[in-house]
Amino acid sequence: MSAFEEDPTKPGSDDESDGFHGDNGEADGTDPLAGLMLELESVKTSESKLRDQLQRLAAEFDNYRKRSRQDAEATARARNEALLAELLDVLDNFERGFEADTAHRGPRAFRAGMELVYKRFREILERCDVEELNPEGEEFDPNLHEAVHAEKRDGTPPNRVLQVIQKGYRVGDRLLRPARVMVST
């Protein structure tokens, strides 16, 4: 008997199904391949819907990020414009002071005018939460101070600010400009 001939004594001969012909193994008579094809189509449809949702969400997020950036830029511009408008007021006061007839009013009137301009400018800085750093006598802090000169002084402990050459400024915890100082050695 050849390898291709069927042995009638073995299971799987003509009277039994070989899994490809005849009985499909389903009790309800449906084709398993057709069921798998339907399930595959369902998965493909779900995948397509999910991919579309993902693309929409990505586009929405990108639009949100752009709007947020634009809003932040608009807010910063508005703050800058408000500050600049107040500084223009100070500039106007300086110009009026320069144009004033100091010959008739004298240097005291000129100084009084400059003091008013200075006071107005300080009010603007205070309203913007700008804090002055005037660390004379304090311990040197390289995070807030810039040493431009060092000097040894008797009776002064090392690393102390002896003199402020230029005041520093900060807004909250952000340093605008370090104080330029002379430090003891």
C-alpha atoms as a PDB file:
ATOM      1  CA  MET A   1       0.000   0.000   0.000  1.00  0.00           C
ATOM      2  CA  SER A   2       1.352   3.433  -0.878  1.00  0.00           C
ATOM      3  CA  ALA A   3       1.513   6.417   1.437  1.00  0.00           C
ATOM      4  CA  PHE A   4      -1.333   8.049  -0.470  1.00  0.00           C
ATOM      5  CA  GLU A   5      -3.796   5.243  -0.191  1.00  0.00           C
ATOM      6  CA  GLU A   6      -6.163   5.160   2.719  1.00  0.00           C
ATOM      7  CA  ASP A   7      -6.212   2.296   5.169  1.00  0.00           C
ATOM      8  CA  PRO A   8      -9.882   1.484   5.832  1.00  0.00           C
ATOM      9  CA  THR A   9      -9.035   0.300   9.355  1.00  0.00           C
ATOM     10  CA  LYS A  10      -7.629   3.644  10.485  1.00  0.00           C
ATOM     11  CA  PRO A  11      -9.762   6.478  11.716  1.00  0.00           C
ATOM     12  CA  GLY A  12     -10.282   9.314   9.258  1.00  0.00           C
ATOM     13  CA  SER A  13     -11.172   7.163   6.285  1.00  0.00           C
ATOM     14  CA  ASP A  14     -13.920   8.076   3.796  1.00  0.00           C
ATOM     15  CA  ASP A  15     -16.689   7.718   6.329  1.00  0.00           C
ATOM     16  CA  GLU A  16     -15.183  10.399   8.642  1.00  0.00           C
ATOM     17  CA  SER A  17     -14.557  14.101   8.017  1.00  0.00           C
ATOM     18  CA  ASP A  18     -11.023  15.260   7.247  1.00  0.00           C
ATOM     19  CA  GLY A  19     -11.685  18.784   8.559  1.00  0.00           C
ATOM     20  CA  PHE A  20     -11.672  20.311   5.084  1.00  0.00           C
ATOM     21  CA  HIS A  21     -14.602  18.612   3.402  1.00  0.00           C
ATOM     22  CA  GLY A  22     -18.012  17.679   4.568  1.00  0.00           C
ATOM     23  CA  ASP A  23     -18.716  18.357   8.242  1.00  0.00           C
ATOM     24  CA  ASN A  24     -17.242  21.683   9.374  1.00  0.00           C
ATOM     25  CA  GLY A  25     -17.219  20.856  13.044  1.00  0.00           C
ATOM     26  CA  GLU A  26     -19.895  23.467  13.814  1.00  0.00           C
ATOM     27  CA  ALA A  27     -23.120  22.258  15.314  1.00  0.00           C
ATOM     28  CA  ASP A  28     -25.126  25.215  13.924  1.00  0.00           C
ATOM     29  CA  GLY A  29     -23.930  24.767  10.352  1.00  0.00           C
ATOM     30  CA  THR A  30     -21.992  28.108  10.011  1.00  0.00           C
ATOM     31  CA  ASP A  31     -18.713  28.309   8.196  1.00  0.00           C
ATOM     32  CA  PRO A  32     -15.822  29.071  10.648  1.00  0.00           C
ATOM     33  CA  LEU A  33     -13.897  30.878   7.902  1.00  0.00           C
ATOM     34  CA  ALA A  34     -16.832  33.194   7.245  1.00  0.00           C
ATOM     35  CA  GLY A  35     -17.079  33.892  10.987  1.00  0.00           C
ATOM     36  CA  LEU A  36     -13.392  34.749  11.137  1.00  0.00           C
ATOM     37  CA  MET A  37     -13.762  37.025   8.108  1.00  0.00           C
ATOM     38  CA  LEU A  38     -16.645  38.869   9.802  1.00  0.00           C
ATOM     39  CA  GLU A  39     -14.607  39.223  12.986  1.00  0.00           C
ATOM     40  CA  LEU A  40     -11.621  40.517  10.955  1.00  0.00           C
ATOM     41  CA  GLU A  41     -13.829  43.125   9.275  1.00  0.00           C
ATOM     42  CA  SER A  42     -15.147  44.170  12.687  1.00  0.00           C
ATOM     43  CA  VAL A  43     -11.603  44.547  14.052  1.00  0.00           C
ATOM     44  CA  LYS A  44     -10.566  46.538  10.961  1.00  0.00           C
ATOM     45  CA  THR A  45     -13.563  48.863  11.391  1.00  0.00           C
ATOM     46  CA  SER A  46     -12.783  49.350  15.093  1.00  0.00           C
ATOM     47  CA  GLU A  47      -9.124  50.011  14.297  1.00  0.00           C
ATOM     48  CA  SER A  48     -10.105  52.573  11.671  1.00  0.00           C
ATOM     49  CA  LYS A  49     -12.438  54.340  14.123  1.00  0.00           C
ATOM     50  CA  LEU A  50      -9.761  54.363  16.838  1.00  0.00           C
ATOM     51  CA  ARG A  51      -7.143  55.692  14.408  1.00  0.00           C
ATOM     52  CA  ASP A  52      -9.560  58.470  13.376  1.00  0.00           C
ATOM     53  CA  GLN A  53     -10.223  59.337  17.041  1.00  0.00           C
ATOM     54  CA  LEU A  54      -6.496  59.425  17.737  1.00  0.00           C
ATOM     55  CA  GLN A  55      -5.884  61.769  14.807  1.00  0.00           C
ATOM     56  CA  ARG A  56      -8.701  64.059  15.950  1.00  0.00           C
ATOM     57  CA  LEU A  57      -7.360  64.113  19.517  1.00  0.00           C
ATOM     58  CA  ALA A  58      -3.856  64.850  18.271  1.00  0.00           C
ATOM     59  CA  ALA A  59      -5.190  67.746  16.161  1.00  0.00           C
ATOM     60  CA  GLU A  60      -7.262  69.070  19.080  1.00  0.00           C
ATOM     61  CA  PHE A  61      -4.240  68.919  21.375  1.00  0.00           C
ATOM     62  CA  ASP A  62      -2.078  70.702  18.812  1.00  0.00           C
ATOM     63  CA  ASN A  63      -4.739  73.443  18.487  1.00  0.00           C
ATOM     64  CA  TYR A  64      -4.972  73.707  22.292  1.00  0.00           C
ATOM     65  CA  ARG A  65      -1.186  74.072  22.554  1.00  0.00           C
ATOM     66  CA  LYS A  66      -1.177  76.802  19.888  1.00  0.00           C
ATOM     67  CA  ARG A  67      -4.053  78.661  21.583  1.00  0.00           C
ATOM     68  CA  SER A  68      -2.305  78.426  24.964  1.00  0.00           C
ATOM     69  CA  ARG A  69       0.918  79.807  23.510  1.00  0.00           C
ATOM     70  CA  GLN A  70      -0.973  82.634  21.790  1.00  0.00           C
ATOM     71  CA  ASP A  71      -2.867  83.439  25.009  1.00  0.00           C
ATOM     72  CA  ALA A  72       0.381  83.521  27.014  1.00  0.00           C
ATOM     73  CA  GLU A  73       2.005  85.784  24.423  1.00  0.00           C
ATOM     74  CA  ALA A  74      -1.027  88.100  24.404  1.00  0.00           C
ATOM     75  CA  THR A  75      -0.987  88.280  28.210  1.00  0.00           C
ATOM     76  CA  ALA A  76       2.733  89.076  28.242  1.00  0.00           C
ATOM     77  CA  ARG A  77       2.242  91.763  25.572  1.00  0.00           C
ATOM     78  CA  ALA A  78      -0.602  93.320  27.557  1.00  0.00           C
ATOM     79  CA  ARG A  79       1.526  93.404  30.728  1.00  0.00           C
ATOM     80  CA  ASN A  80       4.469  94.897  28.861  1.00  0.00           C
ATOM     81  CA  GLU A  81       2.252  97.504  27.228  1.00  0.00           C
ATOM     82  CA  ALA A  82       0.781  98.503  30.597  1.00  0.00           C
ATOM     83  CA  LEU A  83       4.251  98.818  32.124  1.00  0.00           C
ATOM     84  CA  LEU A  84       5.558 100.771  29.139  1.00  0.00           C
ATOM     85  CA  ALA A  85       2.592 103.146  29.331  1.00  0.00           C
ATOM     86  CA  GLU A  86       3.487 103.884  32.962  1.00  0.00           C
ATOM     87  CA  LEU A  87       7.159 104.347  32.067  1.00  0.00           C
ATOM     88  CA  LEU A  88       6.154 106.809  29.356  1.00  0.00           C
ATOM     89  CA  ASP A  89       4.540 108.871  32.115  1.00  0.00           C
ATOM     90  CA  VAL A  90       7.917 108.962  33.893  1.00  0.00           C
ATOM     91  CA  LEU A  91       9.627 109.935  30.631  1.00  0.00           C
ATOM     92  CA  ASP A  92       7.128 112.779  30.157  1.00  0.00           C
ATOM     93  CA  ASN A  93       7.965 114.041  33.662  1.00  0.00           C
ATOM     94  CA  PHE A  94      11.683 113.972  32.871  1.00  0.00           C
ATOM     95  CA  GLU A  95      11.092 115.946  29.677  1.00  0.00           C
ATOM     96  CA  ARG A  96       9.019 118.535  31.551  1.00  0.00           C
ATOM     97  CA  GLY A  97      11.845 118.823  34.065  1.00  0.00           C
ATOM     98  CA  PHE A  98      14.404 119.431  31.321  1.00  0.00           C
ATOM     99  CA  GLU A  99      12.190 122.040  29.675  1.00  0.00           C
ATOM    100  CA  ALA A 100      11.476 123.887  32.932  1.00  0.00           C
ATOM    101  CA  ASP A 101      12.920 127.337  33.256  1.00  0.00           C
ATOM    102  CA  THR A 102      15.507 126.667  35.959  1.00  0.00           C
ATOM    103  CA  ALA A 103      16.796 130.241  35.781  1.00  0.00           C
ATOM    104  CA  HIS A 104      13.626 131.619  37.407  1.00  0.00           C
ATOM    105  CA  ARG A 105      12.823 128.687  39.700  1.00  0.00           C
ATOM    106  CA  GLY A 106      16.329 127.747  40.742  1.00  0.00           C
ATOM    107  CA  PRO A 107      18.066 124.421  41.402  1.00  0.00           C
ATOM    108  CA  ARG A 108      15.822 123.564  44.375  1.00  0.00           C
ATOM    109  CA  ALA A 109      12.742 123.490  42.184  1.00  0.00           C
ATOM    110  CA  PHE A 110      14.571 121.362  39.647  1.00  0.00           C
ATOM    111  CA  ARG A 111      15.629 118.931  42.393  1.00  0.00           C
ATOM    112  CA  ALA A 112      12.093 118.791  43.774  1.00  0.00           C
ATOM    113  CA  GLY A 113      10.805 117.932  40.294  1.00  0.00           C
ATOM    114  CA  MET A 114      13.400 115.186  39.872  1.00  0.00           C
ATOM    115  CA  GLU A 115      12.471 113.774  43.299  1.00  0.00           C
ATOM    116  CA  LEU A 116       8.830 113.572  42.195  1.00  0.00           C
ATOM    117  CA  VAL A 117       9.869 111.721  39.027  1.00  0.00           C
ATOM    118  CA  TYR A 118      12.038 109.368  41.104  1.00  0.00           C
ATOM    119  CA  LYS A 119       9.159 108.731  43.526  1.00  0.00           C
ATOM    120  CA  ARG A 120       6.787 107.970  40.636  1.00  0.00           C
ATOM    121  CA  PHE A 121       9.280 105.570  39.107  1.00  0.00           C
ATOM    122  CA  ARG A 122       9.760 103.764  42.450  1.00  0.00           C
ATOM    123  CA  GLU A 123       5.954 103.409  42.774  1.00  0.00           C
ATOM    124  CA  ILE A 124       5.794 101.717  39.377  1.00  0.00           C
ATOM    125  CA  LEU A 125       8.553  99.289  40.339  1.00  0.00           C
ATOM    126  CA  GLU A 126       6.854  98.536  43.655  1.00  0.00           C
ATOM    127  CA  ARG A 127       3.539  97.865  41.922  1.00  0.00           C
ATOM    128  CA  CYS A 128       5.368  95.398  39.651  1.00  0.00           C
ATOM    129  CA  ASP A 129       6.766  93.650  42.776  1.00  0.00           C
ATOM    130  CA  VAL A 130      10.333  94.673  41.974  1.00  0.00           C
ATOM    131  CA  GLU A 131      12.469  94.405  45.116  1.00  0.00           C
ATOM    132  CA  GLU A 132      15.683  96.347  45.544  1.00  0.00           C
ATOM    133  CA  LEU A 133      18.799  94.468  46.704  1.00  0.00           C
ATOM    134  CA  ASN A 134      20.999  96.713  48.823  1.00  0.00           C
ATOM    135  CA  PRO A 135      23.126  94.168  50.718  1.00  0.00           C
ATOM    136  CA  GLU A 136      25.661  96.430  52.429  1.00  0.00           C
ATOM    137  CA  GLY A 137      26.946  94.714  55.601  1.00  0.00           C
ATOM    138  CA  GLU A 138      25.386  91.369  54.664  1.00  0.00           C
ATOM    139  CA  GLU A 139      27.215  88.162  53.864  1.00  0.00           C
ATOM    140  CA  PHE A 140      28.165  87.859  50.190  1.00  0.00           C
ATOM    141  CA  ASP A 141      25.765  85.616  48.241  1.00  0.00           C
ATOM    142  CA  PRO A 142      26.960  84.750  44.716  1.00  0.00           C
ATOM    143  CA  ASN A 143      23.351  83.991  43.749  1.00  0.00           C
ATOM    144  CA  LEU A 144      22.356  87.615  44.398  1.00  0.00           C
ATOM    145  CA  HIS A 145      25.600  89.580  44.287  1.00  0.00           C
ATOM    146  CA  GLU A 146      28.409  90.125  41.810  1.00  0.00           C
ATOM    147  CA  ALA A 147      31.761  90.884  43.428  1.00  0.00           C
ATOM    148  CA  VAL A 148      33.600  93.545  41.433  1.00  0.00           C
ATOM    149  CA  HIS A 149      36.253  94.331  44.038  1.00  0.00           C
ATOM    150  CA  ALA A 150      37.699  92.648  47.131  1.00  0.00           C
ATOM    151  CA  GLU A 151      39.433  94.407  49.997  1.00  0.00           C
ATOM    152  CA  LYS A 152      40.819  93.429  53.393  1.00  0.00           C
ATOM    153  CA  ARG A 153      39.508  95.552  56.264  1.00  0.00           C
ATOM    154  CA  ASP A 154      40.515  95.173  59.874  1.00  0.00           C
ATOM    155  CA  GLY A 155      37.652  94.168  62.133  1.00  0.00           C
ATOM    156  CA  THR A 156      35.475  93.001  59.240  1.00  0.00           C
ATOM    157  CA  PRO A 157      34.891  89.275  58.841  1.00  0.00           C
ATOM    158  CA  PRO A 158      35.667  87.834  55.421  1.00  0.00           C
ATOM    159  CA  ASN A 159      33.000  87.483  52.783  1.00  0.00           C
ATOM    160  CA  ARG A 160      31.001  90.552  53.869  1.00  0.00           C
ATOM    161  CA  VAL A 161      29.618  93.181  51.495  1.00  0.00           C
ATOM    162  CA  LEU A 162      31.570  96.349  52.279  1.00  0.00           C
ATOM    163  CA  GLN A 163      29.987  98.625  49.711  1.00  0.00           C
ATOM    164  CA  VAL A 164      27.228  98.414  47.095  1.00  0.00           C
ATOM    165  CA  ILE A 165      28.480  99.807  43.815  1.00  0.00           C
ATOM    166  CA  GLN A 166      25.247  99.161  41.914  1.00  0.00           C
ATOM    167  CA  LYS A 167      21.996  97.980  43.507  1.00  0.00           C
ATOM    168  CA  GLY A 168      20.470  94.718  42.379  1.00  0.00           C
ATOM    169  CA  TYR A 169      16.795  93.958  41.727  1.00  0.00           C
ATOM    170  CA  ARG A 170      14.553  90.936  41.724  1.00  0.00           C
ATOM    171  CA  VAL A 171      10.902  90.099  41.086  1.00  0.00           C
ATOM    172  CA  GLY A 172       9.735  87.411  43.467  1.00  0.00           C
ATOM    173  CA  ASP A 173      12.426  84.749  43.416  1.00  0.00           C
ATOM    174  CA  ARG A 174      13.747  85.748  39.969  1.00  0.00           C
ATOM    175  CA  LEU A 175      16.849  87.917  39.847  1.00  0.00           C
ATOM    176  CA  LEU A 176      16.613  90.825  37.396  1.00  0.00           C
ATOM    177  CA  ARG A 177      20.100  92.116  38.088  1.00  0.00           C
ATOM    178  CA  PRO A 178      22.652  91.131  40.739  1.00  0.00           C
ATOM    179  CA  ALA A 179      23.945  93.792  43.128  1.00  0.00           C
ATOM    180  CA  ARG A 180      27.504  94.762  42.166  1.00  0.00           C
ATOM    181  CA  VAL A 181      29.485  94.893  45.375  1.00  0.00           C
ATOM    182  CA  MET A 182      32.857  95.259  47.057  1.00  0.00           C
ATOM    183  CA  VAL A 183      33.579  92.283  49.333  1.00  0.00           C
ATOM    184  CA  SER A 184      35.872  91.830  52.352  1.00  0.00           C
ATOM    185  CA  THR A 185      38.585  89.194  52.200  1.00  0.00           C
END
